[in-house]
Amino acid sequence: MNHIDSAKLRREGLRWLILLALNNARPIGAHESVVLSAANSIYPDATPLELRREIDYLANRDLVKIRKDPSGPWFADLTRFGTDVAEYSVDCEPGIARPAKYW
């Protein structure tokens, strides 16, 4: 019996999408609303809380830096290691749905 964990696939896919959005926002990073707009292009029902949860996960893995504005919004940017993962310069550990490099 083949069981697909769709919640896990979604989390991991969202993490990869966040890395790509922040890679395109370099060198200044991006406000969470911009990243959420990118996430909504693939996951139309993605919520701000879900996005923050995955950005926090990526920050705990030292892939993303978060600046939390005292008034509420978050601002995120890639670390050097996050950039290397987004650019396929280093291996990607499990937890992020980075597609295999085919080129």
PDB file of N, CA and C in Angstrom:
ATOM      1  N   MET A   1       0.846  -1.179   0.000  1.00  0.00           N
ATOM      2  CA  MET A   1       0.000   0.000   0.000  1.00  0.00           C
ATOM      3  C   MET A   1       0.887   1.237   0.000  1.00  0.00           C
ATOM      4  N   ASN A   2       0.614   2.149  -0.876  1.00  0.00           N
ATOM      5  CA  ASN A   2       1.412   3.354  -1.022  1.00  0.00           C
ATOM      6  C   ASN A   2       0.677   4.532  -0.398  1.00  0.00           C
ATOM      7  N   HIS A   3       1.265   5.089   0.667  1.00  0.00           N
ATOM      8  CA  HIS A   3       0.641   6.204   1.359  1.00  0.00           C
ATOM      9  C   HIS A   3       1.416   7.480   1.049  1.00  0.00           C
ATOM     10  N   ILE A   4       0.737   8.486   0.574  1.00  0.00           N
ATOM     11  CA  ILE A   4       1.372   9.762   0.269  1.00  0.00           C
ATOM     12  C   ILE A   4       0.988  10.752   1.356  1.00  0.00           C
ATOM     13  N   ASP A   5       1.999  11.327   1.999  1.00  0.00           N
ATOM     14  CA  ASP A   5       1.771  12.321   3.039  1.00  0.00           C
ATOM     15  C   ASP A   5       1.692  13.696   2.368  1.00  0.00           C
ATOM     16  N   SER A   6       0.498  14.099   2.014  1.00  0.00           N
ATOM     17  CA  SER A   6       0.331  15.349   1.260  1.00  0.00           C
ATOM     18  C   SER A   6       0.716  16.578   2.079  1.00  0.00           C
ATOM     19  N   ALA A   7       0.528  16.533   3.396  1.00  0.00           N
ATOM     20  CA  ALA A   7       0.919  17.674   4.237  1.00  0.00           C
ATOM     21  C   ALA A   7       2.436  17.855   4.223  1.00  0.00           C
ATOM     22  N   LYS A   8       3.157  16.746   4.263  1.00  0.00           N
ATOM     23  CA  LYS A   8       4.613  16.819   4.217  1.00  0.00           C
ATOM     24  C   LYS A   8       5.080  17.337   2.860  1.00  0.00           C
ATOM     25  N   LEU A   9       4.477  16.847   1.792  1.00  0.00           N
ATOM     26  CA  LEU A   9       4.837  17.327   0.454  1.00  0.00           C
ATOM     27  C   LEU A   9       4.588  18.819   0.322  1.00  0.00           C
ATOM     28  N   ARG A  10       3.500  19.279   0.898  1.00  0.00           N
ATOM     29  CA  ARG A  10       3.172  20.704   0.833  1.00  0.00           C
ATOM     30  C   ARG A  10       4.194  21.530   1.599  1.00  0.00           C
ATOM     31  N   ARG A  11       4.519  21.104   2.834  1.00  0.00           N
ATOM     32  CA  ARG A  11       5.506  21.840   3.639  1.00  0.00           C
ATOM     33  C   ARG A  11       6.841  21.929   2.908  1.00  0.00           C
ATOM     34  N   GLU A  12       7.291  20.815   2.402  1.00  0.00           N
ATOM     35  CA  GLU A  12       8.599  20.778   1.747  1.00  0.00           C
ATOM     36  C   GLU A  12       8.591  21.577   0.433  1.00  0.00           C
ATOM     37  N   GLY A  13       7.486  21.519  -0.277  1.00  0.00           N
ATOM     38  CA  GLY A  13       7.367  22.306  -1.501  1.00  0.00           C
ATOM     39  C   GLY A  13       7.333  23.800  -1.208  1.00  0.00           C
ATOM     40  N   LEU A  14       6.645  24.157  -0.146  1.00  0.00           N
ATOM     41  CA  LEU A  14       6.569  25.565   0.246  1.00  0.00           C
ATOM     42  C   LEU A  14       7.948  26.075   0.662  1.00  0.00           C
ATOM     43  N   ARG A  15       8.710  25.253   1.342  1.00  0.00           N
ATOM     44  CA  ARG A  15      10.067  25.657   1.750  1.00  0.00           C
ATOM     45  C   ARG A  15      10.940  25.928   0.526  1.00  0.00           C
ATOM     46  N   TRP A  16      10.855  25.071  -0.467  1.00  0.00           N
ATOM     47  CA  TRP A  16      11.639  25.283  -1.685  1.00  0.00           C
ATOM     48  C   TRP A  16      11.193  26.566  -2.386  1.00  0.00           C
ATOM     49  N   LEU A  17       9.904  26.782  -2.426  1.00  0.00           N
ATOM     50  CA  LEU A  17       9.382  27.992  -3.056  1.00  0.00           C
ATOM     51  C   LEU A  17       9.846  29.254  -2.324  1.00  0.00           C
ATOM     52  N   ILE A  18       9.907  29.198  -1.011  1.00  0.00           N
ATOM     53  CA  ILE A  18      10.410  30.331  -0.220  1.00  0.00           C
ATOM     54  C   ILE A  18      11.870  30.605  -0.563  1.00  0.00           C
ATOM     55  N   LEU A  19      12.664  29.549  -0.655  1.00  0.00           N
ATOM     56  CA  LEU A  19      14.077  29.739  -1.008  1.00  0.00           C
ATOM     57  C   LEU A  19      14.216  30.375  -2.389  1.00  0.00           C
ATOM     58  N   LEU A  20      13.411  29.911  -3.343  1.00  0.00           N
ATOM     59  CA  LEU A  20      13.474  30.493  -4.687  1.00  0.00           C
ATOM     60  C   LEU A  20      13.047  31.954  -4.695  1.00  0.00           C
ATOM     61  N   ALA A  21      11.989  32.267  -3.965  1.00  0.00           N
ATOM     62  CA  ALA A  21      11.514  33.661  -3.910  1.00  0.00           C
ATOM     63  C   ALA A  21      12.582  34.560  -3.296  1.00  0.00           C
ATOM     64  N   LEU A  22      13.199  34.082  -2.221  1.00  0.00           N
ATOM     65  CA  LEU A  22      14.227  34.897  -1.570  1.00  0.00           C
ATOM     66  C   LEU A  22      15.493  34.976  -2.416  1.00  0.00           C
ATOM     67  N   ASN A  23      15.774  33.944  -3.181  1.00  0.00           N
ATOM     68  CA  ASN A  23      16.932  34.000  -4.084  1.00  0.00           C
ATOM     69  C   ASN A  23      16.705  35.062  -5.160  1.00  0.00           C
ATOM     70  N   ASN A  24      15.475  35.176  -5.627  1.00  0.00           N
ATOM     71  CA  ASN A  24      15.167  36.215  -6.619  1.00  0.00           C
ATOM     72  C   ASN A  24      15.114  37.601  -6.010  1.00  0.00           C
ATOM     73  N   ALA A  25      14.965  37.684  -4.708  1.00  0.00           N
ATOM     74  CA  ALA A  25      14.895  38.982  -4.027  1.00  0.00           C
ATOM     75  C   ALA A  25      16.273  39.475  -3.584  1.00  0.00           C
ATOM     76  N   ARG A  26      17.300  38.675  -3.832  1.00  0.00           N
ATOM     77  CA  ARG A  26      18.641  39.090  -3.413  1.00  0.00           C
ATOM     78  C   ARG A  26      19.081  40.327  -4.171  1.00  0.00           C
ATOM     79  N   PRO A  27      19.850  41.213  -3.625  1.00  0.00           N
ATOM     80  CA  PRO A  27      20.524  41.134  -2.336  1.00  0.00           C
ATOM     81  C   PRO A  27      19.769  41.793  -1.188  1.00  0.00           C
ATOM     82  N   ILE A  28      18.541  42.208  -1.409  1.00  0.00           N
ATOM     83  CA  ILE A  28      17.879  42.961  -0.341  1.00  0.00           C
ATOM     84  C   ILE A  28      16.908  42.123   0.483  1.00  0.00           C
ATOM     85  N   GLY A  29      16.561  40.913   0.043  1.00  0.00           N
ATOM     86  CA  GLY A  29      15.590  40.109   0.776  1.00  0.00           C
ATOM     87  C   GLY A  29      14.173  40.535   0.446  1.00  0.00           C
ATOM     88  N   ALA A  30      13.209  40.036   1.212  1.00  0.00           N
ATOM     89  CA  ALA A  30      11.816  40.328   0.875  1.00  0.00           C
ATOM     90  C   ALA A  30      10.939  40.368   2.114  1.00  0.00           C
ATOM     91  N   HIS A  31       9.930  41.218   2.043  1.00  0.00           N
ATOM     92  CA  HIS A  31       8.882  41.286   3.051  1.00  0.00           C
ATOM     93  C   HIS A  31       8.046  40.006   2.937  1.00  0.00           C
ATOM     94  N   GLU A  32       7.516  39.546   4.044  1.00  0.00           N
ATOM     95  CA  GLU A  32       6.765  38.296   4.025  1.00  0.00           C
ATOM     96  C   GLU A  32       5.566  38.336   3.068  1.00  0.00           C
ATOM     97  N   SER A  33       4.982  39.487   2.847  1.00  0.00           N
ATOM     98  CA  SER A  33       3.828  39.565   1.945  1.00  0.00           C
ATOM     99  C   SER A  33       4.238  39.272   0.501  1.00  0.00           C
ATOM    100  N   VAL A  34       5.454  39.646   0.145  1.00  0.00           N
ATOM    101  CA  VAL A  34       5.951  39.355  -1.203  1.00  0.00           C
ATOM    102  C   VAL A  34       6.174  37.852  -1.352  1.00  0.00           C
ATOM    103  N   VAL A  35       6.751  37.247  -0.329  1.00  0.00           N
ATOM    104  CA  VAL A  35       6.987  35.802  -0.366  1.00  0.00           C
ATOM    105  C   VAL A  35       5.652  35.057  -0.375  1.00  0.00           C
ATOM    106  N   LEU A  36       4.685  35.557   0.378  1.00  0.00           N
ATOM    107  CA  LEU A  36       3.361  34.926   0.394  1.00  0.00           C
ATOM    108  C   LEU A  36       2.697  35.019  -0.984  1.00  0.00           C
ATOM    109  N   SER A  37       2.886  36.132  -1.665  1.00  0.00           N
ATOM    110  CA  SER A  37       2.335  36.259  -3.025  1.00  0.00           C
ATOM    111  C   SER A  37       2.933  35.208  -3.950  1.00  0.00           C
ATOM    112  N   ALA A  38       4.242  34.986  -3.819  1.00  0.00           N
ATOM    113  CA  ALA A  38       4.884  33.948  -4.626  1.00  0.00           C
ATOM    114  C   ALA A  38       4.347  32.570  -4.239  1.00  0.00           C
ATOM    115  N   ALA A  39       4.187  32.343  -2.955  1.00  0.00           N
ATOM    116  CA  ALA A  39       3.684  31.042  -2.487  1.00  0.00           C
ATOM    117  C   ALA A  39       2.252  30.805  -2.966  1.00  0.00           C
ATOM    118  N   ASN A  40       1.455  31.872  -3.004  1.00  0.00           N
ATOM    119  CA  ASN A  40       0.071  31.732  -3.439  1.00  0.00           C
ATOM    120  C   ASN A  40      -0.044  31.388  -4.930  1.00  0.00           C
ATOM    121  N   SER A  41       1.014  31.591  -5.679  1.00  0.00           N
ATOM    122  CA  SER A  41       0.965  31.218  -7.099  1.00  0.00           C
ATOM    123  C   SER A  41       0.934  29.698  -7.258  1.00  0.00           C
ATOM    124  N   ILE A  42       1.504  28.986  -6.307  1.00  0.00           N
ATOM    125  CA  ILE A  42       1.500  27.519  -6.351  1.00  0.00           C
ATOM    126  C   ILE A  42       0.502  26.945  -5.356  1.00  0.00           C
ATOM    127  N   TYR A  43       0.434  27.551  -4.189  1.00  0.00           N
ATOM    128  CA  TYR A  43      -0.478  27.102  -3.133  1.00  0.00           C
ATOM    129  C   TYR A  43      -1.443  28.252  -2.836  1.00  0.00           C
ATOM    130  N   PRO A  44      -2.532  28.355  -3.593  1.00  0.00           N
ATOM    131  CA  PRO A  44      -3.438  29.511  -3.437  1.00  0.00           C
ATOM    132  C   PRO A  44      -4.026  29.660  -2.039  1.00  0.00           C
ATOM    133  N   ASP A  45      -4.069  28.574  -1.279  1.00  0.00           N
ATOM    134  CA  ASP A  45      -4.642  28.653   0.055  1.00  0.00           C
ATOM    135  C   ASP A  45      -3.583  28.791   1.149  1.00  0.00           C
ATOM    136  N   ALA A  46      -2.326  29.059   0.778  1.00  0.00           N
ATOM    137  CA  ALA A  46      -1.274  29.248   1.782  1.00  0.00           C
ATOM    138  C   ALA A  46      -1.605  30.456   2.652  1.00  0.00           C
ATOM    139  N   THR A  47      -1.396  30.314   3.942  1.00  0.00           N
ATOM    140  CA  THR A  47      -1.736  31.378   4.888  1.00  0.00           C
ATOM    141  C   THR A  47      -0.464  32.048   5.405  1.00  0.00           C
ATOM    142  N   PRO A  48      -0.603  33.257   5.936  1.00  0.00           N
ATOM    143  CA  PRO A  48       0.569  33.918   6.532  1.00  0.00           C
ATOM    144  C   PRO A  48       1.182  33.100   7.668  1.00  0.00           C
ATOM    145  N   LEU A  49       0.364  32.442   8.470  1.00  0.00           N
ATOM    146  CA  LEU A  49       0.885  31.623   9.563  1.00  0.00           C
ATOM    147  C   LEU A  49       1.680  30.437   9.029  1.00  0.00           C
ATOM    148  N   GLU A  50       1.157  29.803   8.000  1.00  0.00           N
ATOM    149  CA  GLU A  50       1.856  28.673   7.385  1.00  0.00           C
ATOM    150  C   GLU A  50       3.196  29.129   6.811  1.00  0.00           C
ATOM    151  N   LEU A  51       3.196  30.281   6.165  1.00  0.00           N
ATOM    152  CA  LEU A  51       4.426  30.820   5.601  1.00  0.00           C
ATOM    153  C   LEU A  51       5.443  31.102   6.700  1.00  0.00           C
ATOM    154  N   ARG A  52       5.004  31.738   7.772  1.00  0.00           N
ATOM    155  CA  ARG A  52       5.922  32.040   8.872  1.00  0.00           C
ATOM    156  C   ARG A  52       6.491  30.769   9.489  1.00  0.00           C
ATOM    157  N   ARG A  53       5.661  29.752   9.607  1.00  0.00           N
ATOM    158  CA  ARG A  53       6.128  28.484  10.175  1.00  0.00           C
ATOM    159  C   ARG A  53       7.269  27.910   9.322  1.00  0.00           C
ATOM    160  N   GLU A  54       7.124  27.973   8.008  1.00  0.00           N
ATOM    161  CA  GLU A  54       8.164  27.408   7.127  1.00  0.00           C
ATOM    162  C   GLU A  54       9.381  28.328   7.036  1.00  0.00           C
ATOM    163  N   ILE A  55       9.181  29.627   7.093  1.00  0.00           N
ATOM    164  CA  ILE A  55      10.338  30.538   7.130  1.00  0.00           C
ATOM    165  C   ILE A  55      11.125  30.304   8.417  1.00  0.00           C
ATOM    166  N   ASP A  56      10.426  30.108   9.516  1.00  0.00           N
ATOM    167  CA  ASP A  56      11.086  29.828  10.795  1.00  0.00           C
ATOM    168  C   ASP A  56      11.865  28.518  10.728  1.00  0.00           C
ATOM    169  N   TYR A  57      11.286  27.516  10.087  1.00  0.00           N
ATOM    170  CA  TYR A  57      11.988  26.236   9.901  1.00  0.00           C
ATOM    171  C   TYR A  57      13.286  26.466   9.132  1.00  0.00           C
ATOM    172  N   LEU A  58      13.207  27.234   8.054  1.00  0.00           N
ATOM    173  CA  LEU A  58      14.406  27.498   7.247  1.00  0.00           C
ATOM    174  C   LEU A  58      15.433  28.314   8.026  1.00  0.00           C
ATOM    175  N   ALA A  59      14.976  29.197   8.884  1.00  0.00           N
ATOM    176  CA  ALA A  59      15.904  29.968   9.728  1.00  0.00           C
ATOM    177  C   ALA A  59      16.595  29.052  10.732  1.00  0.00           C
ATOM    178  N   ASN A  60      15.875  28.080  11.269  1.00  0.00           N
ATOM    179  CA  ASN A  60      16.489  27.135  12.203  1.00  0.00           C
ATOM    180  C   ASN A  60      17.531  26.262  11.526  1.00  0.00           C
ATOM    181  N   ARG A  61      17.431  26.120  10.223  1.00  0.00           N
ATOM    182  CA  ARG A  61      18.442  25.360   9.467  1.00  0.00           C
ATOM    183  C   ARG A  61      19.526  26.279   8.899  1.00  0.00           C
ATOM    184  N   ASP A  62      19.531  27.541   9.315  1.00  0.00           N
ATOM    185  CA  ASP A  62      20.529  28.534   8.895  1.00  0.00           C
ATOM    186  C   ASP A  62      20.522  28.783   7.392  1.00  0.00           C
ATOM    187  N   LEU A  63      19.332  28.663   6.788  1.00  0.00           N
ATOM    188  CA  LEU A  63      19.202  28.956   5.364  1.00  0.00           C
ATOM    189  C   LEU A  63      18.646  30.354   5.125  1.00  0.00           C
ATOM    190  N   VAL A  64      17.961  30.882   6.141  1.00  0.00           N
ATOM    191  CA  VAL A  64      17.274  32.168   6.018  1.00  0.00           C
ATOM    192  C   VAL A  64      17.533  32.996   7.281  1.00  0.00           C
ATOM    193  N   LYS A  65      17.672  34.306   7.076  1.00  0.00           N
ATOM    194  CA  LYS A  65      17.737  35.242   8.198  1.00  0.00           C
ATOM    195  C   LYS A  65      16.379  35.931   8.277  1.00  0.00           C
ATOM    196  N   ILE A  66      15.870  36.078   9.475  1.00  0.00           N
ATOM    197  CA  ILE A  66      14.572  36.739   9.669  1.00  0.00           C
ATOM    198  C   ILE A  66      14.790  38.010  10.464  1.00  0.00           C
ATOM    199  N   ARG A  67      14.156  39.066  10.008  1.00  0.00           N
ATOM    200  CA  ARG A  67      14.103  40.299  10.794  1.00  0.00           C
ATOM    201  C   ARG A  67      12.631  40.529  11.118  1.00  0.00           C
ATOM    202  N   LYS A  68      12.309  40.479  12.402  1.00  0.00           N
ATOM    203  CA  LYS A  68      10.917  40.623  12.832  1.00  0.00           C
ATOM    204  C   LYS A  68      10.693  42.060  13.253  1.00  0.00           C
ATOM    205  N   ASP A  69       9.881  42.752  12.479  1.00  0.00           N
ATOM    206  CA  ASP A  69       9.576  44.139  12.775  1.00  0.00           C
ATOM    207  C   ASP A  69       8.732  44.210  14.049  1.00  0.00           C
ATOM    208  N   PRO A  70       9.032  45.140  14.951  1.00  0.00           N
ATOM    209  CA  PRO A  70       8.246  45.232  16.190  1.00  0.00           C
ATOM    210  C   PRO A  70       6.747  45.452  15.951  1.00  0.00           C
ATOM    211  N   SER A  71       6.380  46.014  14.806  1.00  0.00           N
ATOM    212  CA  SER A  71       4.959  46.238  14.526  1.00  0.00           C
ATOM    213  C   SER A  71       4.284  44.995  13.944  1.00  0.00           C
ATOM    214  N   GLY A  72       5.058  43.907  13.699  1.00  0.00           N
ATOM    215  CA  GLY A  72       4.435  42.664  13.267  1.00  0.00           C
ATOM    216  C   GLY A  72       5.034  41.980  12.071  1.00  0.00           C
ATOM    217  N   PRO A  73       5.224  42.682  10.941  1.00  0.00           N
ATOM    218  CA  PRO A  73       5.669  41.985   9.733  1.00  0.00           C
ATOM    219  C   PRO A  73       7.080  41.411   9.862  1.00  0.00           C
ATOM    220  N   TRP A  74       7.323  40.363   9.087  1.00  0.00           N
ATOM    221  CA  TRP A  74       8.647  39.747   9.012  1.00  0.00           C
ATOM    222  C   TRP A  74       9.286  40.128   7.686  1.00  0.00           C
ATOM    223  N   PHE A  75      10.606  40.167   7.727  1.00  0.00           N
ATOM    224  CA  PHE A  75      11.421  40.415   6.543  1.00  0.00           C
ATOM    225  C   PHE A  75      12.456  39.304   6.500  1.00  0.00           C
ATOM    226  N   ALA A  76      12.607  38.648   5.367  1.00  0.00           N
ATOM    227  CA  ALA A  76      13.511  37.498   5.288  1.00  0.00           C
ATOM    228  C   ALA A  76      14.529  37.683   4.172  1.00  0.00           C
ATOM    229  N   ASP A  77      15.679  37.079   4.377  1.00  0.00           N
ATOM    230  CA  ASP A  77      16.747  37.103   3.383  1.00  0.00           C
ATOM    231  C   ASP A  77      17.512  35.788   3.478  1.00  0.00           C
ATOM    232  N   LEU A  78      18.125  35.371   2.390  1.00  0.00           N
ATOM    233  CA  LEU A  78      18.896  34.137   2.397  1.00  0.00           C
ATOM    234  C   LEU A  78      20.240  34.346   3.071  1.00  0.00           C
ATOM    235  N   THR A  79      20.695  33.303   3.734  1.00  0.00           N
ATOM    236  CA  THR A  79      22.070  33.288   4.219  1.00  0.00           C
ATOM    237  C   THR A  79      22.957  32.817   3.076  1.00  0.00           C
ATOM    238  N   ARG A  80      24.253  32.812   3.311  1.00  0.00           N
ATOM    239  CA  ARG A  80      25.169  32.306   2.281  1.00  0.00           C
ATOM    240  C   ARG A  80      24.838  30.845   1.970  1.00  0.00           C
ATOM    241  N   PHE A  81      24.557  30.067   3.013  1.00  0.00           N
ATOM    242  CA  PHE A  81      24.227  28.662   2.814  1.00  0.00           C
ATOM    243  C   PHE A  81      22.884  28.515   2.084  1.00  0.00           C
ATOM    244  N   GLY A  82      21.925  29.356   2.397  1.00  0.00           N
ATOM    245  CA  GLY A  82      20.635  29.319   1.702  1.00  0.00           C
ATOM    246  C   GLY A  82      20.783  29.622   0.222  1.00  0.00           C
ATOM    247  N   THR A  83      21.657  30.551  -0.092  1.00  0.00           N
ATOM    248  CA  THR A  83      21.929  30.868  -1.491  1.00  0.00           C
ATOM    249  C   THR A  83      22.566  29.669  -2.192  1.00  0.00           C
ATOM    250  N   ASP A  84      23.491  29.006  -1.513  1.00  0.00           N
ATOM    251  CA  ASP A  84      24.138  27.825  -2.102  1.00  0.00           C
ATOM    252  C   ASP A  84      23.124  26.711  -2.358  1.00  0.00           C
ATOM    253  N   VAL A  85      22.175  26.524  -1.455  1.00  0.00           N
ATOM    254  CA  VAL A  85      21.132  25.504  -1.665  1.00  0.00           C
ATOM    255  C   VAL A  85      20.258  25.901  -2.847  1.00  0.00           C
ATOM    256  N   ALA A  86      19.857  27.164  -2.921  1.00  0.00           N
ATOM    257  CA  ALA A  86      18.995  27.622  -4.013  1.00  0.00           C
ATOM    258  C   ALA A  86      19.692  27.534  -5.368  1.00  0.00           C
ATOM    259  N   GLU A  87      21.004  27.679  -5.355  1.00  0.00           N
ATOM    260  CA  GLU A  87      21.762  27.651  -6.614  1.00  0.00           C
ATOM    261  C   GLU A  87      22.375  26.281  -6.901  1.00  0.00           C
ATOM    262  N   TYR A  88      22.007  25.275  -6.145  1.00  0.00           N
ATOM    263  CA  TYR A  88      22.487  23.906  -6.342  1.00  0.00           C
ATOM    264  C   TYR A  88      23.995  23.789  -6.176  1.00  0.00           C
ATOM    265  N   SER A  89      24.590  24.647  -5.378  1.00  0.00           N
ATOM    266  CA  SER A  89      26.034  24.579  -5.161  1.00  0.00           C
ATOM    267  C   SER A  89      26.403  23.574  -4.082  1.00  0.00           C
ATOM    268  N   VAL A  90      25.449  23.244  -3.210  1.00  0.00           N
ATOM    269  CA  VAL A  90      25.675  22.272  -2.137  1.00  0.00           C
ATOM    270  C   VAL A  90      24.513  21.287  -2.135  1.00  0.00           C
ATOM    271  N   ASP A  91      24.724  20.166  -1.444  1.00  0.00           N
ATOM    272  CA  ASP A  91      23.645  19.191  -1.303  1.00  0.00           C
ATOM    273  C   ASP A  91      22.524  19.760  -0.450  1.00  0.00           C
ATOM    274  N   CYS A  92      21.340  19.276  -0.696  1.00  0.00           N
ATOM    275  CA  CYS A  92      20.165  19.710   0.070  1.00  0.00           C
ATOM    276  C   CYS A  92      19.708  18.540   0.935  1.00  0.00           C
ATOM    277  N   GLU A  93      19.703  18.755   2.226  1.00  0.00           N
ATOM    278  CA  GLU A  93      19.270  17.708   3.138  1.00  0.00           C
ATOM    279  C   GLU A  93      17.745  17.570   3.082  1.00  0.00           C
ATOM    280  N   PRO A  94      17.230  16.427   3.566  1.00  0.00           N
ATOM    281  CA  PRO A  94      15.772  16.226   3.551  1.00  0.00           C
ATOM    282  C   PRO A  94      15.034  17.348   4.285  1.00  0.00           C
ATOM    283  N   GLY A  95      13.792  17.549   3.875  1.00  0.00           N
ATOM    284  CA  GLY A  95      12.957  18.581   4.488  1.00  0.00           C
ATOM    285  C   GLY A  95      12.630  19.702   3.533  1.00  0.00           C
ATOM    286  N   ILE A  96      13.299  19.712   2.393  1.00  0.00           N
ATOM    287  CA  ILE A  96      13.066  20.731   1.370  1.00  0.00           C
ATOM    288  C   ILE A  96      12.902  20.000   0.040  1.00  0.00           C
ATOM    289  N   ALA A  97      11.850  20.326  -0.687  1.00  0.00           N
ATOM    290  CA  ALA A  97      11.542  19.616  -1.934  1.00  0.00           C
ATOM    291  C   ALA A  97      12.276  20.236  -3.116  1.00  0.00           C
ATOM    292  N   ARG A  98      13.601  20.301  -3.015  1.00  0.00           N
ATOM    293  CA  ARG A  98      14.367  20.819  -4.149  1.00  0.00           C
ATOM    294  C   ARG A  98      14.387  19.748  -5.235  1.00  0.00           C
ATOM    295  N   PRO A  99      13.965  20.093  -6.446  1.00  0.00           N
ATOM    296  CA  PRO A  99      13.986  19.105  -7.536  1.00  0.00           C
ATOM    297  C   PRO A  99      15.423  18.711  -7.866  1.00  0.00           C
ATOM    298  N   ALA A 100      15.573  17.529  -8.422  1.00  0.00           N
ATOM    299  CA  ALA A 100      16.899  17.072  -8.843  1.00  0.00           C
ATOM    300  C   ALA A 100      17.395  17.950  -9.984  1.00  0.00           C
ATOM    301  N   LYS A 101      18.671  18.206  -9.976  1.00  0.00           N
ATOM    302  CA  LYS A 101      19.258  19.015 -11.041  1.00  0.00           C
ATOM    303  C   LYS A 101      19.364  18.152 -12.300  1.00  0.00           C
ATOM    304  N   TYR A 102      18.791  18.595 -13.385  1.00  0.00           N
ATOM    305  CA  TYR A 102      18.789  17.812 -14.616  1.00  0.00           C
ATOM    306  C   TYR A 102      19.619  18.453 -15.722  1.00  0.00           C
ATOM    307  N   TRP A 103      20.194  19.610 -15.486  1.00  0.00           N
ATOM    308  CA  TRP A 103      20.985  20.280 -16.509  1.00  0.00           C
ATOM    309  C   TRP A 103      22.453  20.192 -16.199  1.00  0.00           C
TER     310      TRP A 103
END
